[in-house]
Amino acid sequence: MLFRSTLDQVLNHPAVNPTAVRFIAQRYATEIRDYSKVEAALERLVKVAPDEPEAWFDLAGFKVAVGKAPEALPALRRALGLNARRLQQNPGAPNLLTNLQTDARFTSLRPLPEFQQLLAPK
């Protein structure tokens, strides 16, 4: 109980950093298994690291996993937009578009036209 309270306090601290938020999300997922808290932590992560494509990608993957596919698509769109911008600046950076094509979390989205549009060359 104390551990959970401490995680909540750190997560809600105004100066929390992305590394701490990721740690908290992992603890909620693996040790506590409180998926509403995992979702809250990932939502917080995109607020403290709004320009980080992986944060949005992980949020989208989680949303799909908990049956919130319609909420996943905007996060995925944001992740891929940030990813494209990062690749323009650094062509050697990890490419989330490649990951998207094989990541099992997104299997249920693959048949959707909205998902196919995300994969279309621009």
Protein backbone atom coordinates (compact mmCIF):
# COMPACT_ATOMS: atom_id res chain seq x y z
CA MET A 1 0.00 0.00 0.00
CA LEU A 2 2.81 2.41 0.90
CA PHE A 3 4.62 1.53 -2.33
CA ARG A 4 1.54 2.38 -4.38
CA SER A 5 1.10 5.66 -2.54
CA THR A 6 4.73 6.58 -3.17
CA LEU A 7 4.39 5.77 -6.87
CA ASP A 8 1.29 7.98 -7.07
CA GLN A 9 3.07 10.85 -5.33
CA VAL A 10 6.05 10.69 -7.65
CA LEU A 11 3.84 10.32 -10.74
CA ASN A 12 1.83 13.39 -9.80
CA HIS A 13 4.80 15.54 -8.84
CA PRO A 14 5.00 18.59 -11.13
CA ALA A 15 8.71 18.04 -11.82
CA VAL A 16 8.58 14.30 -12.54
CA ASN A 17 10.88 13.27 -15.37
CA PRO A 18 10.18 10.77 -18.18
CA THR A 19 12.51 8.13 -16.74
CA ALA A 20 10.64 8.11 -13.45
CA VAL A 21 7.29 7.93 -15.23
CA ARG A 22 8.45 4.93 -17.28
CA PHE A 23 9.66 3.22 -14.10
CA ILE A 24 6.30 3.83 -12.44
CA ALA A 25 4.37 2.52 -15.44
CA GLN A 26 6.49 -0.63 -15.39
CA ARG A 27 5.92 -1.16 -11.65
CA TYR A 28 2.17 -0.78 -12.10
CA ALA A 29 2.22 -3.23 -15.00
CA THR A 30 4.53 -5.92 -13.66
CA GLU A 31 4.35 -5.81 -9.88
CA ILE A 32 1.00 -4.29 -9.00
CA ARG A 33 -0.91 -5.23 -12.17
CA ASP A 34 -3.13 -2.17 -11.98
CA TYR A 35 -3.77 -1.38 -15.62
CA SER A 36 -5.75 1.78 -14.96
CA LYS A 37 -2.62 3.10 -13.24
CA VAL A 38 -0.46 1.97 -16.16
CA GLU A 39 -2.71 3.95 -18.47
CA ALA A 40 -2.53 7.00 -16.19
CA ALA A 41 1.25 6.75 -16.11
CA LEU A 42 1.49 6.52 -19.90
CA GLU A 43 -0.88 9.49 -20.25
CA ARG A 44 1.42 11.37 -17.88
CA LEU A 45 4.45 10.29 -19.89
CA VAL A 46 3.17 11.93 -23.07
CA LYS A 47 2.61 15.11 -21.07
CA VAL A 48 6.15 15.21 -19.66
CA ALA A 49 7.74 14.01 -22.92
CA PRO A 50 5.37 15.31 -25.63
CA ASP A 51 8.02 15.25 -28.36
CA GLU A 52 9.15 11.67 -27.73
CA PRO A 53 7.73 9.32 -30.36
CA GLU A 54 8.23 6.20 -28.21
CA ALA A 55 6.05 7.64 -25.44
CA TRP A 56 3.14 8.06 -27.85
CA PHE A 57 3.84 4.67 -29.46
CA ASP A 58 3.72 2.94 -26.06
CA LEU A 59 0.52 4.76 -25.14
CA ALA A 60 -1.06 3.63 -28.42
CA GLY A 61 0.06 0.05 -27.87
CA PHE A 62 -1.39 0.03 -24.39
CA LYS A 63 -4.70 1.50 -25.56
CA VAL A 64 -5.04 -1.29 -28.11
CA ALA A 65 -4.16 -3.92 -25.50
CA VAL A 66 -6.96 -2.76 -23.20
CA GLY A 67 -9.56 -2.59 -25.96
CA LYS A 68 -9.46 1.15 -26.61
CA ALA A 69 -8.45 1.00 -30.26
CA PRO A 70 -10.22 4.26 -31.22
CA GLU A 71 -8.12 6.08 -28.60
CA ALA A 72 -4.97 4.39 -29.89
CA LEU A 73 -5.12 5.82 -33.40
CA PRO A 74 -4.53 9.49 -32.50
CA ALA A 75 -1.61 8.52 -30.24
CA LEU A 76 -0.20 6.36 -33.01
CA ARG A 77 -0.62 9.16 -35.54
CA ARG A 78 1.27 11.50 -33.19
CA ALA A 79 4.03 8.92 -32.64
CA LEU A 80 4.55 8.48 -36.37
CA GLY A 81 4.54 12.22 -37.02
CA LEU A 82 7.22 12.75 -34.37
CA ASN A 83 9.08 9.74 -35.72
CA ALA A 84 9.13 11.19 -39.25
CA ARG A 85 10.40 14.53 -37.95
CA ARG A 86 13.13 12.79 -35.95
CA LEU A 87 14.19 10.74 -38.99
CA GLN A 88 14.52 13.91 -41.07
CA GLN A 89 16.92 15.29 -38.46
CA ASN A 90 18.65 11.98 -37.78
CA PRO A 91 18.23 9.32 -40.50
CA GLY A 92 19.96 6.75 -38.28
CA ALA A 93 17.40 7.06 -35.46
CA PRO A 94 15.08 4.14 -34.66
CA ASN A 95 12.16 4.00 -37.09
CA LEU A 96 8.85 3.34 -35.37
CA LEU A 97 7.13 2.84 -38.72
CA THR A 98 9.19 -0.32 -39.17
CA ASN A 99 8.27 -1.44 -35.65
CA LEU A 100 4.61 -0.75 -36.30
CA GLN A 101 4.53 -3.22 -39.16
CA THR A 102 5.62 -6.11 -36.93
CA ASP A 103 4.53 -5.13 -33.40
CA ALA A 104 1.94 -7.68 -32.27
CA ARG A 105 0.16 -5.09 -30.12
CA PHE A 106 -1.24 -3.54 -33.28
CA THR A 107 -2.49 -6.72 -34.99
CA SER A 108 -6.14 -5.88 -34.37
CA LEU A 109 -5.70 -2.47 -36.02
CA ARG A 110 -4.03 -3.69 -39.20
CA PRO A 111 -7.28 -4.28 -41.16
CA LEU A 112 -8.61 -0.78 -40.38
CA PRO A 113 -8.43 1.82 -43.17
CA GLU A 114 -7.21 4.40 -40.64
CA PHE A 115 -4.29 2.15 -39.78
CA GLN A 116 -3.51 1.47 -43.44
CA GLN A 117 -3.38 5.24 -44.03
CA LEU A 118 -0.70 5.50 -41.35
CA LEU A 119 1.43 2.98 -43.26
CA ALA A 120 0.95 4.67 -46.65
CA PRO A 121 4.03 6.43 -48.04
CA LYS A 122 3.85 10.17 -47.80
